[in-house]
Amino acid sequence: MTPKIAVDLIVFDLDGTLADTLPDIVAAANFACRRLRLPEHSPEAIRGMIGGGEWKLIERLVGPAHQDRVEECLQLYLDHYTLHNGELTRLYAGVPETLALVGGRKLAVLSNKLQRLTRQTLEAIDIVRFFAAIRGGGEGLPLKPAPDHLLALTADLGVKPSRSLMVGDKTADLKAGREAGAFTAAVTYGYGDLDSLTAASPDFLLQRFAQLPNILAG
């Protein structure tokens, strides 16, 4: 295990890391399926589809037989999600308190969710005030696991990647952080698979969000 680290920037994934957004995602996804007379899916099934942004989610949602309906389904999904964003989403335990504790550093959010929806979610769950920057999909850069967004974010905030920490619940978060040259911390309570997270060899494994201050020096 890596000793405590000194960082100037902590970057968080959103879905499955800061908040349980799955209920809102499920509601929007199954709304779109109903409208198109496609099979609906269980929360557990949709949980396994999350990752890679909205387009990838909808590709998995409609299945191989209905790829010609991805664009139509995506628009229905986005319409519903935008209208109801945050209604069913819940912060994980200790998130606001922990963000306040580590707030002597710059904090940011990096999500594969569309940037406008990422900000809207953070506003709905009342933690947007903690973050110096919010980045998401639809900004012209490759999504995680590519490091491009994270490198752009550190450059925007004037922080070296080597003085940054990427926190997330998926191997894509860890790969993006590692390839950018940042420290990485995996949270085990989110949507990622524990075996996959462990195999990705993050610098830290966190069972609870409130453990974050324990890995930070200073």
C-alpha atoms as a PDB file:
ATOM      1  CA  MET A   1       0.000   0.000   0.000  1.00  0.00           C
ATOM      2  CA  THR A   2       1.256   3.461  -0.906  1.00  0.00           C
ATOM      3  CA  PRO A   3       2.128   5.725   2.065  1.00  0.00           C
ATOM      4  CA  LYS A   4       0.090   8.876   2.599  1.00  0.00           C
ATOM      5  CA  ILE A   5       0.352  11.197  -0.378  1.00  0.00           C
ATOM      6  CA  ALA A   6       0.663  14.957  -0.716  1.00  0.00           C
ATOM      7  CA  VAL A   7      -1.533  16.240  -3.537  1.00  0.00           C
ATOM      8  CA  ASP A   8      -2.788  19.626  -4.690  1.00  0.00           C
ATOM      9  CA  LEU A   9      -5.783  18.322  -6.647  1.00  0.00           C
ATOM     10  CA  ILE A  10      -8.319  15.543  -6.092  1.00  0.00           C
ATOM     11  CA  VAL A  11     -10.447  14.547  -9.083  1.00  0.00           C
ATOM     12  CA  PHE A  12     -13.612  12.521  -8.522  1.00  0.00           C
ATOM     13  CA  ASP A  13     -15.735  10.414 -10.792  1.00  0.00           C
ATOM     14  CA  LEU A  14     -19.460  11.077 -10.205  1.00  0.00           C
ATOM     15  CA  ASP A  15     -21.654   8.011 -10.798  1.00  0.00           C
ATOM     16  CA  GLY A  16     -20.868   5.312  -8.259  1.00  0.00           C
ATOM     17  CA  THR A  17     -18.247   7.458  -6.515  1.00  0.00           C
ATOM     18  CA  LEU A  18     -19.877  10.609  -5.146  1.00  0.00           C
ATOM     19  CA  ALA A  19     -23.485   9.555  -5.588  1.00  0.00           C
ATOM     20  CA  ASP A  20     -25.718   6.599  -6.360  1.00  0.00           C
ATOM     21  CA  THR A  21     -27.231   7.835  -9.610  1.00  0.00           C
ATOM     22  CA  LEU A  22     -28.441   4.398 -10.694  1.00  0.00           C
ATOM     23  CA  PRO A  23     -32.133   4.935  -9.836  1.00  0.00           C
ATOM     24  CA  ASP A  24     -32.337   7.993 -12.116  1.00  0.00           C
ATOM     25  CA  ILE A  25     -30.453   6.176 -14.873  1.00  0.00           C
ATOM     26  CA  VAL A  26     -32.793   3.178 -14.597  1.00  0.00           C
ATOM     27  CA  ALA A  27     -35.883   5.395 -14.684  1.00  0.00           C
ATOM     28  CA  ALA A  28     -34.716   7.217 -17.824  1.00  0.00           C
ATOM     29  CA  ALA A  29     -33.517   4.050 -19.547  1.00  0.00           C
ATOM     30  CA  ASN A  30     -36.728   2.115 -19.004  1.00  0.00           C
ATOM     31  CA  PHE A  31     -38.823   5.146 -19.959  1.00  0.00           C
ATOM     32  CA  ALA A  32     -37.030   5.186 -23.311  1.00  0.00           C
ATOM     33  CA  CYS A  33     -37.501   1.435 -23.721  1.00  0.00           C
ATOM     34  CA  ARG A  34     -41.222   1.669 -23.006  1.00  0.00           C
ATOM     35  CA  ARG A  35     -41.672   4.466 -25.527  1.00  0.00           C
ATOM     36  CA  LEU A  36     -39.964   2.384 -28.208  1.00  0.00           C
ATOM     37  CA  ARG A  37     -41.691  -0.868 -27.167  1.00  0.00           C
ATOM     38  CA  LEU A  38     -38.352  -2.451 -26.345  1.00  0.00           C
ATOM     39  CA  PRO A  39     -37.750  -4.779 -23.380  1.00  0.00           C
ATOM     40  CA  GLU A  40     -37.153  -3.053 -20.050  1.00  0.00           C
ATOM     41  CA  HIS A  41     -34.210  -4.011 -17.846  1.00  0.00           C
ATOM     42  CA  SER A  42     -33.648  -4.625 -14.146  1.00  0.00           C
ATOM     43  CA  PRO A  43     -31.590  -2.156 -12.099  1.00  0.00           C
ATOM     44  CA  GLU A  44     -28.850  -4.775 -11.770  1.00  0.00           C
ATOM     45  CA  ALA A  45     -28.691  -5.265 -15.532  1.00  0.00           C
ATOM     46  CA  ILE A  46     -28.516  -1.527 -16.181  1.00  0.00           C
ATOM     47  CA  ARG A  47     -25.863  -1.155 -13.507  1.00  0.00           C
ATOM     48  CA  GLY A  48     -23.681  -3.459 -15.597  1.00  0.00           C
ATOM     49  CA  MET A  49     -24.243  -1.280 -18.670  1.00  0.00           C
ATOM     50  CA  ILE A  50     -22.916   1.921 -17.078  1.00  0.00           C
ATOM     51  CA  GLY A  51     -19.549   3.129 -18.319  1.00  0.00           C
ATOM     52  CA  GLY A  52     -18.299   4.905 -21.412  1.00  0.00           C
ATOM     53  CA  GLY A  53     -20.949   7.612 -21.589  1.00  0.00           C
ATOM     54  CA  GLU A  54     -24.583   7.768 -22.617  1.00  0.00           C
ATOM     55  CA  TRP A  55     -24.121   6.480 -26.170  1.00  0.00           C
ATOM     56  CA  LYS A  56     -22.451   3.287 -24.958  1.00  0.00           C
ATOM     57  CA  LEU A  57     -25.143   2.842 -22.310  1.00  0.00           C
ATOM     58  CA  ILE A  58     -27.907   3.024 -24.910  1.00  0.00           C
ATOM     59  CA  GLU A  59     -26.079   0.694 -27.310  1.00  0.00           C
ATOM     60  CA  ARG A  60     -26.016  -1.900 -24.544  1.00  0.00           C
ATOM     61  CA  LEU A  61     -29.582  -1.106 -23.514  1.00  0.00           C
ATOM     62  CA  VAL A  62     -31.215  -1.726 -26.909  1.00  0.00           C
ATOM     63  CA  GLY A  63     -29.045  -4.757 -27.679  1.00  0.00           C
ATOM     64  CA  PRO A  64     -27.549  -6.027 -30.945  1.00  0.00           C
ATOM     65  CA  ALA A  65     -30.924  -6.499 -32.639  1.00  0.00           C
ATOM     66  CA  HIS A  66     -31.938  -2.841 -32.314  1.00  0.00           C
ATOM     67  CA  GLN A  67     -28.782  -0.841 -32.996  1.00  0.00           C
ATOM     68  CA  ASP A  68     -30.719   1.120 -35.626  1.00  0.00           C
ATOM     69  CA  ARG A  69     -32.742   2.649 -32.755  1.00  0.00           C
ATOM     70  CA  VAL A  70     -29.832   3.871 -30.635  1.00  0.00           C
ATOM     71  CA  GLU A  71     -30.132   7.516 -31.659  1.00  0.00           C
ATOM     72  CA  GLU A  72     -33.893   7.612 -31.064  1.00  0.00           C
ATOM     73  CA  CYS A  73     -33.554   5.825 -27.730  1.00  0.00           C
ATOM     74  CA  LEU A  74     -30.713   8.109 -26.651  1.00  0.00           C
ATOM     75  CA  GLN A  75     -32.795  11.224 -27.245  1.00  0.00           C
ATOM     76  CA  LEU A  76     -35.684   9.835 -25.199  1.00  0.00           C
ATOM     77  CA  TYR A  77     -33.255   8.881 -22.438  1.00  0.00           C
ATOM     78  CA  LEU A  78     -31.645  12.327 -22.368  1.00  0.00           C
ATOM     79  CA  ASP A  79     -35.005  14.106 -22.392  1.00  0.00           C
ATOM     80  CA  HIS A  80     -36.210  12.119 -19.378  1.00  0.00           C
ATOM     81  CA  TYR A  81     -32.906  12.318 -17.522  1.00  0.00           C
ATOM     82  CA  THR A  82     -32.652  16.073 -17.991  1.00  0.00           C
ATOM     83  CA  LEU A  83     -36.203  16.604 -16.746  1.00  0.00           C
ATOM     84  CA  HIS A  84     -35.833  14.385 -13.660  1.00  0.00           C
ATOM     85  CA  ASN A  85     -32.084  14.557 -12.956  1.00  0.00           C
ATOM     86  CA  GLY A  86     -31.372  14.169  -9.254  1.00  0.00           C
ATOM     87  CA  GLU A  87     -34.872  13.190  -8.147  1.00  0.00           C
ATOM     88  CA  LEU A  88     -33.839   9.636  -7.213  1.00  0.00           C
ATOM     89  CA  THR A  89     -30.077  10.184  -6.840  1.00  0.00           C
ATOM     90  CA  ARG A  90     -28.556   9.989  -3.369  1.00  0.00           C
ATOM     91  CA  LEU A  91     -25.140  11.000  -2.075  1.00  0.00           C
ATOM     92  CA  TYR A  92     -23.054   8.245  -0.564  1.00  0.00           C
ATOM     93  CA  ALA A  93     -22.525   8.439   3.187  1.00  0.00           C
ATOM     94  CA  GLY A  94     -20.069  11.067   4.340  1.00  0.00           C
ATOM     95  CA  VAL A  95     -19.549  12.778   0.988  1.00  0.00           C
ATOM     96  CA  PRO A  96     -20.302  16.431   1.896  1.00  0.00           C
ATOM     97  CA  GLU A  97     -18.491  16.186   5.217  1.00  0.00           C
ATOM     98  CA  THR A  98     -15.434  14.578   3.636  1.00  0.00           C
ATOM     99  CA  LEU A  99     -15.309  17.074   0.771  1.00  0.00           C
ATOM    100  CA  ALA A 100     -15.282  19.840   3.371  1.00  0.00           C
ATOM    101  CA  LEU A 101     -12.433  18.122   5.241  1.00  0.00           C
ATOM    102  CA  VAL A 102     -10.196  17.788   2.175  1.00  0.00           C
ATOM    103  CA  GLY A 103     -11.197  21.137   0.717  1.00  0.00           C
ATOM    104  CA  GLY A 104      -7.853  22.784   1.414  1.00  0.00           C
ATOM    105  CA  ARG A 105      -6.881  21.292  -1.950  1.00  0.00           C
ATOM    106  CA  LYS A 106      -8.429  21.913  -5.337  1.00  0.00           C
ATOM    107  CA  LEU A 107     -11.302  19.528  -6.030  1.00  0.00           C
ATOM    108  CA  ALA A 108     -12.787  18.619  -9.407  1.00  0.00           C
ATOM    109  CA  VAL A 109     -15.203  16.188 -11.044  1.00  0.00           C
ATOM    110  CA  LEU A 110     -14.413  14.204 -14.185  1.00  0.00           C
ATOM    111  CA  SER A 111     -17.289  12.106 -15.515  1.00  0.00           C
ATOM    112  CA  ASN A 112     -18.076  10.312 -18.758  1.00  0.00           C
ATOM    113  CA  LYS A 113     -21.635  11.605 -18.298  1.00  0.00           C
ATOM    114  CA  LEU A 114     -22.392  14.583 -20.543  1.00  0.00           C
ATOM    115  CA  GLN A 115     -20.919  17.729 -19.019  1.00  0.00           C
ATOM    116  CA  ARG A 116     -24.268  19.521 -18.774  1.00  0.00           C
ATOM    117  CA  LEU A 117     -25.841  16.539 -16.999  1.00  0.00           C
ATOM    118  CA  THR A 118     -22.836  16.195 -14.701  1.00  0.00           C
ATOM    119  CA  ARG A 119     -23.176  19.796 -13.542  1.00  0.00           C
ATOM    120  CA  GLN A 120     -26.952  19.457 -13.260  1.00  0.00           C
ATOM    121  CA  THR A 121     -26.575  16.375 -11.053  1.00  0.00           C
ATOM    122  CA  LEU A 122     -24.046  18.088  -8.780  1.00  0.00           C
ATOM    123  CA  GLU A 123     -26.399  21.043  -8.428  1.00  0.00           C
ATOM    124  CA  ALA A 124     -29.359  18.765  -7.672  1.00  0.00           C
ATOM    125  CA  ILE A 125     -27.501  16.964  -4.865  1.00  0.00           C
ATOM    126  CA  ASP A 126     -26.093  20.261  -3.563  1.00  0.00           C
ATOM    127  CA  ILE A 127     -22.345  19.655  -3.755  1.00  0.00           C
ATOM    128  CA  VAL A 128     -21.427  21.709  -6.835  1.00  0.00           C
ATOM    129  CA  ARG A 129     -19.943  24.402  -4.586  1.00  0.00           C
ATOM    130  CA  PHE A 130     -17.019  22.176  -3.620  1.00  0.00           C
ATOM    131  CA  PHE A 131     -15.530  21.917  -7.103  1.00  0.00           C
ATOM    132  CA  ALA A 132     -13.136  24.221  -8.925  1.00  0.00           C
ATOM    133  CA  ALA A 133     -13.790  22.433 -12.226  1.00  0.00           C
ATOM    134  CA  ILE A 134     -16.347  20.038 -13.696  1.00  0.00           C
ATOM    135  CA  ARG A 135     -15.644  18.118 -16.877  1.00  0.00           C
ATOM    136  CA  GLY A 136     -17.740  15.560 -18.715  1.00  0.00           C
ATOM    137  CA  GLY A 137     -18.589  14.081 -22.070  1.00  0.00           C
ATOM    138  CA  GLY A 138     -19.430  16.132 -25.128  1.00  0.00           C
ATOM    139  CA  GLU A 139     -16.403  18.417 -24.843  1.00  0.00           C
ATOM    140  CA  GLY A 140     -14.486  17.021 -27.806  1.00  0.00           C
ATOM    141  CA  LEU A 141     -11.997  14.871 -25.889  1.00  0.00           C
ATOM    142  CA  PRO A 142     -11.871  11.063 -25.580  1.00  0.00           C
ATOM    143  CA  LEU A 143     -13.678   9.708 -22.537  1.00  0.00           C
ATOM    144  CA  LYS A 144     -12.061   7.733 -19.735  1.00  0.00           C
ATOM    145  CA  PRO A 145     -10.076   5.439 -19.777  1.00  0.00           C
ATOM    146  CA  ALA A 146      -8.217   7.860 -22.046  1.00  0.00           C
ATOM    147  CA  PRO A 147      -6.220  10.351 -19.942  1.00  0.00           C
ATOM    148  CA  ASP A 148      -6.965  13.366 -22.165  1.00  0.00           C
ATOM    149  CA  HIS A 149      -9.701  14.924 -20.019  1.00  0.00           C
ATOM    150  CA  LEU A 150      -7.686  14.500 -16.845  1.00  0.00           C
ATOM    151  CA  LEU A 151      -4.581  16.031 -18.406  1.00  0.00           C
ATOM    152  CA  ALA A 152      -6.634  18.962 -19.697  1.00  0.00           C
ATOM    153  CA  LEU A 153      -8.176  19.419 -16.271  1.00  0.00           C
ATOM    154  CA  THR A 154      -4.827  19.496 -14.470  1.00  0.00           C
ATOM    155  CA  ALA A 155      -3.509  21.967 -17.035  1.00  0.00           C
ATOM    156  CA  ASP A 156      -6.561  24.210 -16.604  1.00  0.00           C
ATOM    157  CA  LEU A 157      -6.070  24.245 -12.831  1.00  0.00           C
ATOM    158  CA  GLY A 158      -2.302  24.664 -12.997  1.00  0.00           C
ATOM    159  CA  VAL A 159      -1.539  21.438 -11.130  1.00  0.00           C
ATOM    160  CA  LYS A 160       0.998  18.780 -12.078  1.00  0.00           C
ATOM    161  CA  PRO A 161      -0.567  15.361 -12.727  1.00  0.00           C
ATOM    162  CA  SER A 162       1.986  13.907 -10.301  1.00  0.00           C
ATOM    163  CA  ARG A 163       0.435  16.079  -7.577  1.00  0.00           C
ATOM    164  CA  SER A 164      -3.081  14.864  -8.364  1.00  0.00           C
ATOM    165  CA  LEU A 165      -5.301  12.002  -7.206  1.00  0.00           C
ATOM    166  CA  MET A 166      -8.005  10.351  -9.331  1.00  0.00           C
ATOM    167  CA  VAL A 167     -10.816   8.733  -7.312  1.00  0.00           C
ATOM    168  CA  GLY A 168     -13.333   6.432  -8.982  1.00  0.00           C
ATOM    169  CA  ASP A 169     -15.296   3.193  -8.901  1.00  0.00           C
ATOM    170  CA  LYS A 170     -14.367   1.780 -12.317  1.00  0.00           C
ATOM    171  CA  THR A 171     -11.161   0.528 -13.896  1.00  0.00           C
ATOM    172  CA  ALA A 172     -11.571   3.270 -16.521  1.00  0.00           C
ATOM    173  CA  ASP A 173     -11.029   5.870 -13.784  1.00  0.00           C
ATOM    174  CA  LEU A 174      -7.907   4.103 -12.591  1.00  0.00           C
ATOM    175  CA  LYS A 175      -6.468   3.702 -16.076  1.00  0.00           C
ATOM    176  CA  ALA A 176      -7.074   7.360 -16.899  1.00  0.00           C
ATOM    177  CA  GLY A 177      -5.376   8.406 -13.684  1.00  0.00           C
ATOM    178  CA  ARG A 178      -2.418   6.098 -14.123  1.00  0.00           C
ATOM    179  CA  GLU A 179      -1.841   7.074 -17.762  1.00  0.00           C
ATOM    180  CA  ALA A 180      -1.998  10.749 -16.814  1.00  0.00           C
ATOM    181  CA  GLY A 181       0.649  10.205 -14.151  1.00  0.00           C
ATOM    182  CA  ALA A 182      -1.666  10.770 -11.175  1.00  0.00           C
ATOM    183  CA  PHE A 183      -2.196   8.739  -8.022  1.00  0.00           C
ATOM    184  CA  THR A 184      -5.304   6.539  -8.078  1.00  0.00           C
ATOM    185  CA  ALA A 185      -7.860   5.474  -5.470  1.00  0.00           C
ATOM    186  CA  ALA A 186     -10.634   2.962  -6.130  1.00  0.00           C
ATOM    187  CA  VAL A 187     -13.855   3.058  -4.125  1.00  0.00           C
ATOM    188  CA  THR A 188     -15.332  -0.396  -3.629  1.00  0.00           C
ATOM    189  CA  TYR A 189     -18.944   0.587  -2.850  1.00  0.00           C
ATOM    190  CA  GLY A 190     -19.845   1.794  -6.359  1.00  0.00           C
ATOM    191  CA  TYR A 191     -20.659   0.122  -9.669  1.00  0.00           C
ATOM    192  CA  GLY A 192     -17.264  -1.457 -10.339  1.00  0.00           C
ATOM    193  CA  ASP A 193     -16.338  -5.097  -9.813  1.00  0.00           C
ATOM    194  CA  LEU A 194     -14.071  -5.581  -6.797  1.00  0.00           C
ATOM    195  CA  ASP A 195     -11.892  -8.208  -8.462  1.00  0.00           C
ATOM    196  CA  SER A 196     -11.368  -5.978 -11.497  1.00  0.00           C
ATOM    197  CA  LEU A 197     -10.578  -2.983  -9.316  1.00  0.00           C
ATOM    198  CA  THR A 198      -8.058  -4.957  -7.286  1.00  0.00           C
ATOM    199  CA  ALA A 199      -6.448  -6.354 -10.435  1.00  0.00           C
ATOM    200  CA  ALA A 200      -6.012  -2.803 -11.732  1.00  0.00           C
ATOM    201  CA  SER A 201      -3.614  -2.151  -8.813  1.00  0.00           C
ATOM    202  CA  PRO A 202      -4.781   1.274  -7.630  1.00  0.00           C
ATOM    203  CA  ASP A 203      -2.599   3.089  -5.137  1.00  0.00           C
ATOM    204  CA  PHE A 204      -5.462   2.912  -2.636  1.00  0.00           C
ATOM    205  CA  LEU A 205      -8.686   0.971  -2.067  1.00  0.00           C
ATOM    206  CA  LEU A 206     -11.405   2.785  -0.120  1.00  0.00           C
ATOM    207  CA  GLN A 207     -14.346   0.882   1.355  1.00  0.00           C
ATOM    208  CA  ARG A 208     -15.998   4.143   2.433  1.00  0.00           C
ATOM    209  CA  PHE A 209     -15.741   7.666   1.041  1.00  0.00           C
ATOM    210  CA  ALA A 210     -15.006   8.958   4.532  1.00  0.00           C
ATOM    211  CA  GLN A 211     -11.676   7.089   4.463  1.00  0.00           C
ATOM    212  CA  LEU A 212     -10.298   9.546   1.907  1.00  0.00           C
ATOM    213  CA  PRO A 213      -8.602  11.896   4.426  1.00  0.00           C
ATOM    214  CA  ASN A 214      -6.696   8.903   5.838  1.00  0.00           C
ATOM    215  CA  ILE A 215      -4.598   8.568   2.663  1.00  0.00           C
ATOM    216  CA  LEU A 216      -3.681  12.259   2.419  1.00  0.00           C
ATOM    217  CA  ALA A 217      -0.615  13.875   3.944  1.00  0.00           C
ATOM    218  CA  GLY A 218      -0.883  17.356   5.376  1.00  0.00           C
END
